[in-house]
Amino acid sequence: MNYEISTAYSEHKDFLDDCIIHFETKGEPFGNQKRNALRLFKLNDDTINIKSFKVPNIINQIAYKFFRKSKAQRSFEYAIKLKELGIGTPEPIAYYEFKTPLLFKKSYYISKQLDCDLTYRELTHDFNYPDYDNILRAFTRFTYQLHEKGIKFLDHSPGNTLIKKVAHGYEFYLVDLNRMEFKHMEFEERIKNFDRLTIHKSMVEVMSDEYAKVSGENYDDIVKLMWRFTEEFQAKHHKKQKLKKKLKFWR
């Protein structure tokens, strides 16, 4: 077992070890369990969130053992970096990994549970959500802030931004952090970063308008690019889903 625990939680190592060892039988299941398992555990007055990543395929078991950092380790390290850059994400606590001499097996990422009022996903389904336009525009400014700080969130998709209403407006927190790049982004790369967020042109138009305001770029250029990238992503996504269905049919 390999692990790293934040210094703020080092005194709770025995408790965290126990949560990991008995992950399958303790804690409360939370959220969508399709891809990876999530469970909540009580730690004094706090709730912690433990994400259990699936055992990767054999090729990635070798890759994660010898060549690449695991999803859990990347999630932990990226969370620390985001907080250093002033970007919201649930408090990182620890990561754990289990390996054999030749292969990588299970990994876990632990963070403090953060309760939110909504995610970006709600905005794609409910156009009458209270203060809808202001939330969408604030989200766009948040994304611009990511880009200005050299953060390319590769999983910038509807369920991966938590939104909290606060006295001065809205706060945003990134989750599902294992796919990120930290680098300078040119204009087109920034706009392409919106391509997974919605299928609705009305939302693209609002986000393009707000991004133009904060960036100083031309609205017509932004909306044309953002919609093109959105359509390209949707076409690729549907093609991939059709292929998956065919493969399942032949199993």
C-alpha atoms as a PDB file:
ATOM      1  CA  MET A   1       0.000   0.000   0.000  1.00  0.00           C
ATOM      2  CA  ASN A   2       1.316   3.413  -0.997  1.00  0.00           C
ATOM      3  CA  TYR A   3      -0.254   6.624   0.321  1.00  0.00           C
ATOM      4  CA  GLU A   4       0.174  10.329   0.937  1.00  0.00           C
ATOM      5  CA  ILE A   5      -1.840  12.234   3.530  1.00  0.00           C
ATOM      6  CA  SER A   6      -2.171  15.996   3.823  1.00  0.00           C
ATOM      7  CA  THR A   7      -0.334  17.323   6.888  1.00  0.00           C
ATOM      8  CA  ALA A   8      -3.643  18.790   8.113  1.00  0.00           C
ATOM      9  CA  TYR A   9      -5.032  15.231   8.392  1.00  0.00           C
ATOM     10  CA  SER A  10      -1.910  13.242   9.307  1.00  0.00           C
ATOM     11  CA  GLU A  11      -3.169  12.642  12.850  1.00  0.00           C
ATOM     12  CA  HIS A  12      -6.137  10.759  11.367  1.00  0.00           C
ATOM     13  CA  LYS A  13      -4.028   8.199   9.494  1.00  0.00           C
ATOM     14  CA  ASP A  14      -5.400   5.199  11.415  1.00  0.00           C
ATOM     15  CA  PHE A  15      -8.965   6.289  10.683  1.00  0.00           C
ATOM     16  CA  LEU A  16      -8.216   6.833   6.989  1.00  0.00           C
ATOM     17  CA  ASP A  17      -6.441   3.460   6.762  1.00  0.00           C
ATOM     18  CA  ASP A  18      -9.517   1.797   8.233  1.00  0.00           C
ATOM     19  CA  CYS A  19     -11.847   3.560   5.757  1.00  0.00           C
ATOM     20  CA  ILE A  20      -9.755   2.322   2.835  1.00  0.00           C
ATOM     21  CA  ILE A  21      -9.359  -1.245   4.108  1.00  0.00           C
ATOM     22  CA  HIS A  22     -13.102  -1.537   4.833  1.00  0.00           C
ATOM     23  CA  PHE A  23     -14.280   0.666   1.979  1.00  0.00           C
ATOM     24  CA  GLU A  24     -16.726  -1.930   0.614  1.00  0.00           C
ATOM     25  CA  THR A  25     -18.515  -2.457   3.923  1.00  0.00           C
ATOM     26  CA  LYS A  26     -18.372   0.927   5.654  1.00  0.00           C
ATOM     27  CA  GLY A  27     -19.459   4.404   4.682  1.00  0.00           C
ATOM     28  CA  GLU A  28     -22.512   5.630   2.794  1.00  0.00           C
ATOM     29  CA  PRO A  29     -22.722   5.254  -1.003  1.00  0.00           C
ATOM     30  CA  PHE A  30     -22.888   8.627  -2.703  1.00  0.00           C
ATOM     31  CA  GLY A  31     -23.688   9.753  -6.239  1.00  0.00           C
ATOM     32  CA  ASN A  32     -23.344   7.835  -9.477  1.00  0.00           C
ATOM     33  CA  GLN A  33     -21.623   4.473  -8.952  1.00  0.00           C
ATOM     34  CA  LYS A  34     -21.368   3.454 -12.625  1.00  0.00           C
ATOM     35  CA  ARG A  35     -17.725   4.255 -13.356  1.00  0.00           C
ATOM     36  CA  ASN A  36     -16.149   4.607  -9.923  1.00  0.00           C
ATOM     37  CA  ALA A  37     -17.477   4.014  -6.408  1.00  0.00           C
ATOM     38  CA  LEU A  38     -17.969   6.968  -4.032  1.00  0.00           C
ATOM     39  CA  ARG A  39     -18.620   6.667  -0.297  1.00  0.00           C
ATOM     40  CA  LEU A  40     -19.010   9.179   2.520  1.00  0.00           C
ATOM     41  CA  PHE A  41     -17.499   8.697   5.986  1.00  0.00           C
ATOM     42  CA  LYS A  42     -17.892  10.749   9.157  1.00  0.00           C
ATOM     43  CA  LEU A  43     -14.706  12.177  10.662  1.00  0.00           C
ATOM     44  CA  ASN A  44     -15.613  14.049  13.851  1.00  0.00           C
ATOM     45  CA  ASP A  45     -17.821  16.937  12.682  1.00  0.00           C
ATOM     46  CA  ASP A  46     -16.719  16.614   9.047  1.00  0.00           C
ATOM     47  CA  THR A  47     -17.774  14.329   6.231  1.00  0.00           C
ATOM     48  CA  ILE A  48     -15.099  12.956   3.936  1.00  0.00           C
ATOM     49  CA  ASN A  49     -15.597  11.706   0.408  1.00  0.00           C
ATOM     50  CA  ILE A  50     -13.622   8.662  -0.778  1.00  0.00           C
ATOM     51  CA  LYS A  51     -13.506   7.861  -4.481  1.00  0.00           C
ATOM     52  CA  SER A  52     -12.494   4.330  -5.403  1.00  0.00           C
ATOM     53  CA  PHE A  53     -11.157   4.075  -8.951  1.00  0.00           C
ATOM     54  CA  LYS A  54     -11.765   0.887 -10.904  1.00  0.00           C
ATOM     55  CA  VAL A  55      -8.872  -1.501 -11.461  1.00  0.00           C
ATOM     56  CA  PRO A  56      -7.534  -0.414 -14.886  1.00  0.00           C
ATOM     57  CA  ASN A  57      -7.096  -2.717 -17.854  1.00  0.00           C
ATOM     58  CA  ILE A  58      -3.909  -4.772 -18.046  1.00  0.00           C
ATOM     59  CA  ILE A  59      -2.045  -2.267 -20.228  1.00  0.00           C
ATOM     60  CA  ASN A  60      -2.793   0.585 -17.831  1.00  0.00           C
ATOM     61  CA  GLN A  61      -1.952  -1.623 -14.851  1.00  0.00           C
ATOM     62  CA  ILE A  62       1.567  -1.790 -16.259  1.00  0.00           C
ATOM     63  CA  ALA A  63       1.586   1.902 -17.218  1.00  0.00           C
ATOM     64  CA  TYR A  64       0.435   3.094 -13.783  1.00  0.00           C
ATOM     65  CA  LYS A  65       2.867   0.749 -12.064  1.00  0.00           C
ATOM     66  CA  PHE A  66       5.975   1.933 -13.919  1.00  0.00           C
ATOM     67  CA  PHE A  67       5.372   4.987 -16.087  1.00  0.00           C
ATOM     68  CA  ARG A  68       2.395   7.151 -15.086  1.00  0.00           C
ATOM     69  CA  LYS A  69       0.925   8.646 -11.956  1.00  0.00           C
ATOM     70  CA  SER A  70      -2.378   7.089 -10.938  1.00  0.00           C
ATOM     71  CA  LYS A  71      -5.699   8.909 -11.208  1.00  0.00           C
ATOM     72  CA  ALA A  72      -5.816   9.114  -7.413  1.00  0.00           C
ATOM     73  CA  GLN A  73      -2.346  10.654  -7.143  1.00  0.00           C
ATOM     74  CA  ARG A  74      -3.052  13.134  -9.932  1.00  0.00           C
ATOM     75  CA  SER A  75      -6.361  14.115  -8.308  1.00  0.00           C
ATOM     76  CA  PHE A  76      -4.601  14.794  -5.004  1.00  0.00           C
ATOM     77  CA  GLU A  77      -1.709  16.754  -6.517  1.00  0.00           C
ATOM     78  CA  TYR A  78      -3.924  18.737  -8.903  1.00  0.00           C
ATOM     79  CA  ALA A  79      -6.265  19.669  -6.043  1.00  0.00           C
ATOM     80  CA  ILE A  80      -3.314  21.070  -4.098  1.00  0.00           C
ATOM     81  CA  LYS A  81      -2.136  23.020  -7.154  1.00  0.00           C
ATOM     82  CA  LEU A  82      -5.646  24.402  -7.820  1.00  0.00           C
ATOM     83  CA  LYS A  83      -5.902  25.670  -4.262  1.00  0.00           C
ATOM     84  CA  GLU A  84      -2.457  27.279  -4.556  1.00  0.00           C
ATOM     85  CA  LEU A  85      -3.733  29.075  -7.673  1.00  0.00           C
ATOM     86  CA  GLY A  86      -6.867  30.274  -5.859  1.00  0.00           C
ATOM     87  CA  ILE A  87      -9.301  27.925  -7.646  1.00  0.00           C
ATOM     88  CA  GLY A  88     -12.049  26.197  -5.691  1.00  0.00           C
ATOM     89  CA  THR A  89     -12.020  22.420  -5.206  1.00  0.00           C
ATOM     90  CA  PRO A  90     -12.970  20.222  -2.227  1.00  0.00           C
ATOM     91  CA  GLU A  91     -10.180  20.077   0.375  1.00  0.00           C
ATOM     92  CA  PRO A  92      -7.687  17.327  -0.614  1.00  0.00           C
ATOM     93  CA  ILE A  93      -6.990  14.876   2.214  1.00  0.00           C
ATOM     94  CA  ALA A  94      -5.081  11.870   0.861  1.00  0.00           C
ATOM     95  CA  TYR A  95      -4.632   9.259  -1.819  1.00  0.00           C
ATOM     96  CA  TYR A  96      -3.983   5.529  -1.466  1.00  0.00           C
ATOM     97  CA  GLU A  97      -2.702   2.994  -4.002  1.00  0.00           C
ATOM     98  CA  PHE A  98      -2.417  -0.796  -4.015  1.00  0.00           C
ATOM     99  CA  LYS A  99       0.158  -2.475  -6.256  1.00  0.00           C
ATOM    100  CA  THR A 100       1.720  -5.873  -6.858  1.00  0.00           C
ATOM    101  CA  PRO A 101       5.390  -6.230  -7.838  1.00  0.00           C
ATOM    102  CA  LEU A 102       4.432  -5.992 -11.521  1.00  0.00           C
ATOM    103  CA  LEU A 103       0.959  -4.439 -11.723  1.00  0.00           C
ATOM    104  CA  PHE A 104      -1.088  -1.509 -10.458  1.00  0.00           C
ATOM    105  CA  LYS A 105      -4.431  -2.384  -8.859  1.00  0.00           C
ATOM    106  CA  LYS A 106      -6.774  -0.172  -6.798  1.00  0.00           C
ATOM    107  CA  SER A 107      -6.488   3.506  -5.945  1.00  0.00           C
ATOM    108  CA  TYR A 108      -8.501   5.905  -3.797  1.00  0.00           C
ATOM    109  CA  TYR A 109      -8.741   9.687  -3.591  1.00  0.00           C
ATOM    110  CA  ILE A 110      -9.986  11.263  -0.355  1.00  0.00           C
ATOM    111  CA  SER A 111     -11.328  14.800  -0.045  1.00  0.00           C
ATOM    112  CA  LYS A 112     -13.564  16.734   2.278  1.00  0.00           C
ATOM    113  CA  GLN A 113     -17.213  16.522   1.236  1.00  0.00           C
ATOM    114  CA  LEU A 114     -18.474  19.833  -0.106  1.00  0.00           C
ATOM    115  CA  ASP A 115     -22.205  20.489  -0.181  1.00  0.00           C
ATOM    116  CA  CYS A 116     -23.342  22.616  -3.107  1.00  0.00           C
ATOM    117  CA  ASP A 117     -26.560  24.210  -4.322  1.00  0.00           C
ATOM    118  CA  LEU A 118     -26.284  22.914  -7.888  1.00  0.00           C
ATOM    119  CA  THR A 119     -23.903  21.811 -10.613  1.00  0.00           C
ATOM    120  CA  TYR A 120     -23.588  23.189 -14.124  1.00  0.00           C
ATOM    121  CA  ARG A 121     -25.690  20.195 -15.250  1.00  0.00           C
ATOM    122  CA  GLU A 122     -28.862  21.717 -13.763  1.00  0.00           C
ATOM    123  CA  LEU A 123     -28.416  24.719 -16.040  1.00  0.00           C
ATOM    124  CA  THR A 124     -28.543  22.442 -19.099  1.00  0.00           C
ATOM    125  CA  HIS A 125     -31.913  20.990 -18.023  1.00  0.00           C
ATOM    126  CA  ASP A 126     -33.779  23.808 -16.267  1.00  0.00           C
ATOM    127  CA  PHE A 127     -33.765  27.143 -18.103  1.00  0.00           C
ATOM    128  CA  ASN A 128     -36.075  28.580 -15.421  1.00  0.00           C
ATOM    129  CA  TYR A 129     -33.609  27.953 -12.592  1.00  0.00           C
ATOM    130  CA  PRO A 130     -33.572  31.031 -10.287  1.00  0.00           C
ATOM    131  CA  ASP A 131     -31.029  33.646 -11.383  1.00  0.00           C
ATOM    132  CA  TYR A 132     -30.164  31.449 -14.373  1.00  0.00           C
ATOM    133  CA  ASP A 133     -28.469  34.083 -16.541  1.00  0.00           C
ATOM    134  CA  ASN A 134     -26.274  35.419 -13.733  1.00  0.00           C
ATOM    135  CA  ILE A 135     -25.118  31.900 -12.776  1.00  0.00           C
ATOM    136  CA  LEU A 136     -24.234  31.019 -16.365  1.00  0.00           C
ATOM    137  CA  ARG A 137     -22.332  34.261 -16.818  1.00  0.00           C
ATOM    138  CA  ALA A 138     -20.517  33.808 -13.491  1.00  0.00           C
ATOM    139  CA  PHE A 139     -19.549  30.284 -14.583  1.00  0.00           C
ATOM    140  CA  THR A 140     -18.155  31.722 -17.822  1.00  0.00           C
ATOM    141  CA  ARG A 141     -16.065  34.236 -15.861  1.00  0.00           C
ATOM    142  CA  PHE A 142     -14.828  31.366 -13.686  1.00  0.00           C
ATOM    143  CA  THR A 143     -13.741  29.454 -16.801  1.00  0.00           C
ATOM    144  CA  TYR A 144     -11.972  32.559 -18.094  1.00  0.00           C
ATOM    145  CA  GLN A 145     -10.188  32.742 -14.727  1.00  0.00           C
ATOM    146  CA  LEU A 146      -9.026  29.122 -15.192  1.00  0.00           C
ATOM    147  CA  HIS A 147      -7.643  29.989 -18.622  1.00  0.00           C
ATOM    148  CA  GLU A 148      -5.908  33.130 -17.375  1.00  0.00           C
ATOM    149  CA  LYS A 149      -4.194  31.073 -14.659  1.00  0.00           C
ATOM    150  CA  GLY A 150      -3.014  28.472 -17.176  1.00  0.00           C
ATOM    151  CA  ILE A 151      -5.421  25.700 -16.148  1.00  0.00           C
ATOM    152  CA  LYS A 152      -6.831  23.474 -18.872  1.00  0.00           C
ATOM    153  CA  PHE A 153      -9.504  21.286 -17.261  1.00  0.00           C
ATOM    154  CA  LEU A 154      -9.803  18.413 -19.718  1.00  0.00           C
ATOM    155  CA  ASP A 155     -12.989  17.107 -18.073  1.00  0.00           C
ATOM    156  CA  HIS A 156     -14.763  20.470 -18.169  1.00  0.00           C
ATOM    157  CA  SER A 157     -18.184  18.828 -18.451  1.00  0.00           C
ATOM    158  CA  PRO A 158     -21.628  19.457 -16.863  1.00  0.00           C
ATOM    159  CA  GLY A 159     -21.223  17.385 -13.679  1.00  0.00           C
ATOM    160  CA  ASN A 160     -17.708  18.462 -12.765  1.00  0.00           C
ATOM    161  CA  THR A 161     -18.301  21.986 -11.469  1.00  0.00           C
ATOM    162  CA  LEU A 162     -20.074  22.394  -8.125  1.00  0.00           C
ATOM    163  CA  ILE A 163     -21.805  25.738  -7.577  1.00  0.00           C
ATOM    164  CA  LYS A 164     -22.522  27.393  -4.219  1.00  0.00           C
ATOM    165  CA  LYS A 165     -24.646  30.502  -3.735  1.00  0.00           C
ATOM    166  CA  VAL A 166     -22.931  32.951  -1.372  1.00  0.00           C
ATOM    167  CA  ALA A 167     -23.626  36.488  -0.215  1.00  0.00           C
ATOM    168  CA  HIS A 168     -21.555  38.108  -2.978  1.00  0.00           C
ATOM    169  CA  GLY A 169     -22.752  35.835  -5.795  1.00  0.00           C
ATOM    170  CA  TYR A 170     -21.555  32.322  -6.638  1.00  0.00           C
ATOM    171  CA  GLU A 171     -18.521  30.170  -5.904  1.00  0.00           C
ATOM    172  CA  PHE A 172     -17.327  27.365  -8.183  1.00  0.00           C
ATOM    173  CA  TYR A 173     -15.480  24.171  -7.269  1.00  0.00           C
ATOM    174  CA  LEU A 174     -13.919  21.672  -9.669  1.00  0.00           C
ATOM    175  CA  VAL A 175     -14.225  17.925  -9.076  1.00  0.00           C
ATOM    176  CA  ASP A 176     -13.068  14.825 -10.978  1.00  0.00           C
ATOM    177  CA  LEU A 177      -9.615  16.311 -11.268  1.00  0.00           C
ATOM    178  CA  ASN A 178      -7.391  13.584 -12.698  1.00  0.00           C
ATOM    179  CA  ARG A 179      -7.228  15.034 -16.241  1.00  0.00           C
ATOM    180  CA  MET A 180      -5.655  18.500 -16.329  1.00  0.00           C
ATOM    181  CA  GLU A 181      -2.899  20.427 -18.036  1.00  0.00           C
ATOM    182  CA  PHE A 182      -1.194  23.526 -16.664  1.00  0.00           C
ATOM    183  CA  LYS A 183      -0.022  25.699 -19.530  1.00  0.00           C
ATOM    184  CA  HIS A 184      -0.638  28.851 -21.541  1.00  0.00           C
ATOM    185  CA  MET A 185      -3.598  28.496 -23.927  1.00  0.00           C
ATOM    186  CA  GLU A 186      -4.155  30.353 -27.170  1.00  0.00           C
ATOM    187  CA  PHE A 187      -7.578  31.730 -28.135  1.00  0.00           C
ATOM    188  CA  GLU A 188      -8.953  28.707 -30.035  1.00  0.00           C
ATOM    189  CA  GLU A 189      -7.819  26.245 -27.374  1.00  0.00           C
ATOM    190  CA  ARG A 190      -9.606  28.300 -24.722  1.00  0.00           C
ATOM    191  CA  ILE A 191     -12.866  28.321 -26.659  1.00  0.00           C
ATOM    192  CA  LYS A 192     -12.625  24.598 -27.416  1.00  0.00           C
ATOM    193  CA  ASN A 193     -12.515  24.019 -23.653  1.00  0.00           C
ATOM    194  CA  PHE A 194     -16.285  24.790 -23.642  1.00  0.00           C
ATOM    195  CA  ASP A 195     -17.161  22.043 -26.139  1.00  0.00           C
ATOM    196  CA  ARG A 196     -18.418  19.412 -23.647  1.00  0.00           C
ATOM    197  CA  LEU A 197     -20.691  21.675 -21.630  1.00  0.00           C
ATOM    198  CA  THR A 198     -23.998  21.897 -23.496  1.00  0.00           C
ATOM    199  CA  ILE A 199     -25.945  21.004 -26.624  1.00  0.00           C
ATOM    200  CA  HIS A 200     -28.005  24.219 -26.444  1.00  0.00           C
ATOM    201  CA  LYS A 201     -27.069  27.084 -28.737  1.00  0.00           C
ATOM    202  CA  SER A 202     -28.760  29.594 -26.422  1.00  0.00           C
ATOM    203  CA  MET A 203     -26.261  28.698 -23.676  1.00  0.00           C
ATOM    204  CA  VAL A 204     -23.361  28.921 -26.111  1.00  0.00           C
ATOM    205  CA  GLU A 205     -24.515  32.410 -27.097  1.00  0.00           C
ATOM    206  CA  VAL A 206     -24.669  33.607 -23.477  1.00  0.00           C
ATOM    207  CA  MET A 207     -21.275  32.109 -22.617  1.00  0.00           C
ATOM    208  CA  SER A 208     -19.770  33.590 -25.786  1.00  0.00           C
ATOM    209  CA  ASP A 209     -21.169  37.018 -24.922  1.00  0.00           C
ATOM    210  CA  GLU A 210     -19.738  36.922 -21.390  1.00  0.00           C
ATOM    211  CA  TYR A 211     -16.381  35.532 -22.522  1.00  0.00           C
ATOM    212  CA  ALA A 212     -16.142  38.334 -25.081  1.00  0.00           C
ATOM    213  CA  LYS A 213     -16.795  40.907 -22.343  1.00  0.00           C
ATOM    214  CA  VAL A 214     -14.112  39.621 -19.975  1.00  0.00           C
ATOM    215  CA  SER A 215     -11.499  38.719 -22.607  1.00  0.00           C
ATOM    216  CA  GLY A 216     -11.909  41.612 -25.022  1.00  0.00           C
ATOM    217  CA  GLU A 217     -12.175  39.168 -27.941  1.00  0.00           C
ATOM    218  CA  ASN A 218     -14.792  39.537 -30.682  1.00  0.00           C
ATOM    219  CA  TYR A 219     -18.184  38.007 -29.842  1.00  0.00           C
ATOM    220  CA  ASP A 220     -18.861  36.808 -33.409  1.00  0.00           C
ATOM    221  CA  ASP A 221     -15.539  34.981 -33.517  1.00  0.00           C
ATOM    222  CA  ILE A 222     -16.179  33.343 -30.145  1.00  0.00           C
ATOM    223  CA  VAL A 223     -19.742  32.192 -30.767  1.00  0.00           C
ATOM    224  CA  LYS A 224     -18.893  30.812 -34.204  1.00  0.00           C
ATOM    225  CA  LEU A 225     -15.953  28.818 -32.804  1.00  0.00           C
ATOM    226  CA  MET A 226     -17.714  27.675 -29.627  1.00  0.00           C
ATOM    227  CA  TRP A 227     -20.722  26.364 -31.540  1.00  0.00           C
ATOM    228  CA  ARG A 228     -18.526  24.646 -34.128  1.00  0.00           C
ATOM    229  CA  PHE A 229     -16.481  22.915 -31.431  1.00  0.00           C
ATOM    230  CA  THR A 230     -19.694  21.937 -29.602  1.00  0.00           C
ATOM    231  CA  GLU A 231     -21.183  20.348 -32.729  1.00  0.00           C
ATOM    232  CA  GLU A 232     -17.935  18.536 -33.485  1.00  0.00           C
ATOM    233  CA  PHE A 233     -17.762  17.127 -29.966  1.00  0.00           C
ATOM    234  CA  GLN A 234     -21.410  15.996 -30.077  1.00  0.00           C
ATOM    235  CA  ALA A 235     -20.911  14.274 -33.438  1.00  0.00           C
ATOM    236  CA  LYS A 236     -17.839  12.465 -32.125  1.00  0.00           C
ATOM    237  CA  HIS A 237     -19.635  11.534 -28.901  1.00  0.00           C
ATOM    238  CA  HIS A 238     -22.674  10.060 -30.687  1.00  0.00           C
ATOM    239  CA  LYS A 239     -20.446   8.119 -33.063  1.00  0.00           C
ATOM    240  CA  LYS A 240     -18.598   6.660 -30.078  1.00  0.00           C
ATOM    241  CA  GLN A 241     -21.890   5.719 -28.352  1.00  0.00           C
ATOM    242  CA  LYS A 242     -23.137   3.922 -31.481  1.00  0.00           C
ATOM    243  CA  LEU A 243     -19.901   1.964 -31.661  1.00  0.00           C
ATOM    244  CA  LYS A 244     -20.220   0.973 -27.988  1.00  0.00           C
ATOM    245  CA  LYS A 245     -23.765  -0.310 -28.583  1.00  0.00           C
ATOM    246  CA  LYS A 246     -22.578  -2.416 -31.521  1.00  0.00           C
ATOM    247  CA  LEU A 247     -19.747  -3.888 -29.459  1.00  0.00           C
ATOM    248  CA  LYS A 248     -22.153  -4.737 -26.614  1.00  0.00           C
ATOM    249  CA  PHE A 249     -24.513  -6.404 -29.106  1.00  0.00           C
ATOM    250  CA  TRP A 250     -21.757  -8.758 -30.326  1.00  0.00           C
ATOM    251  CA  ARG A 251     -20.605  -9.774 -26.856  1.00  0.00           C
END
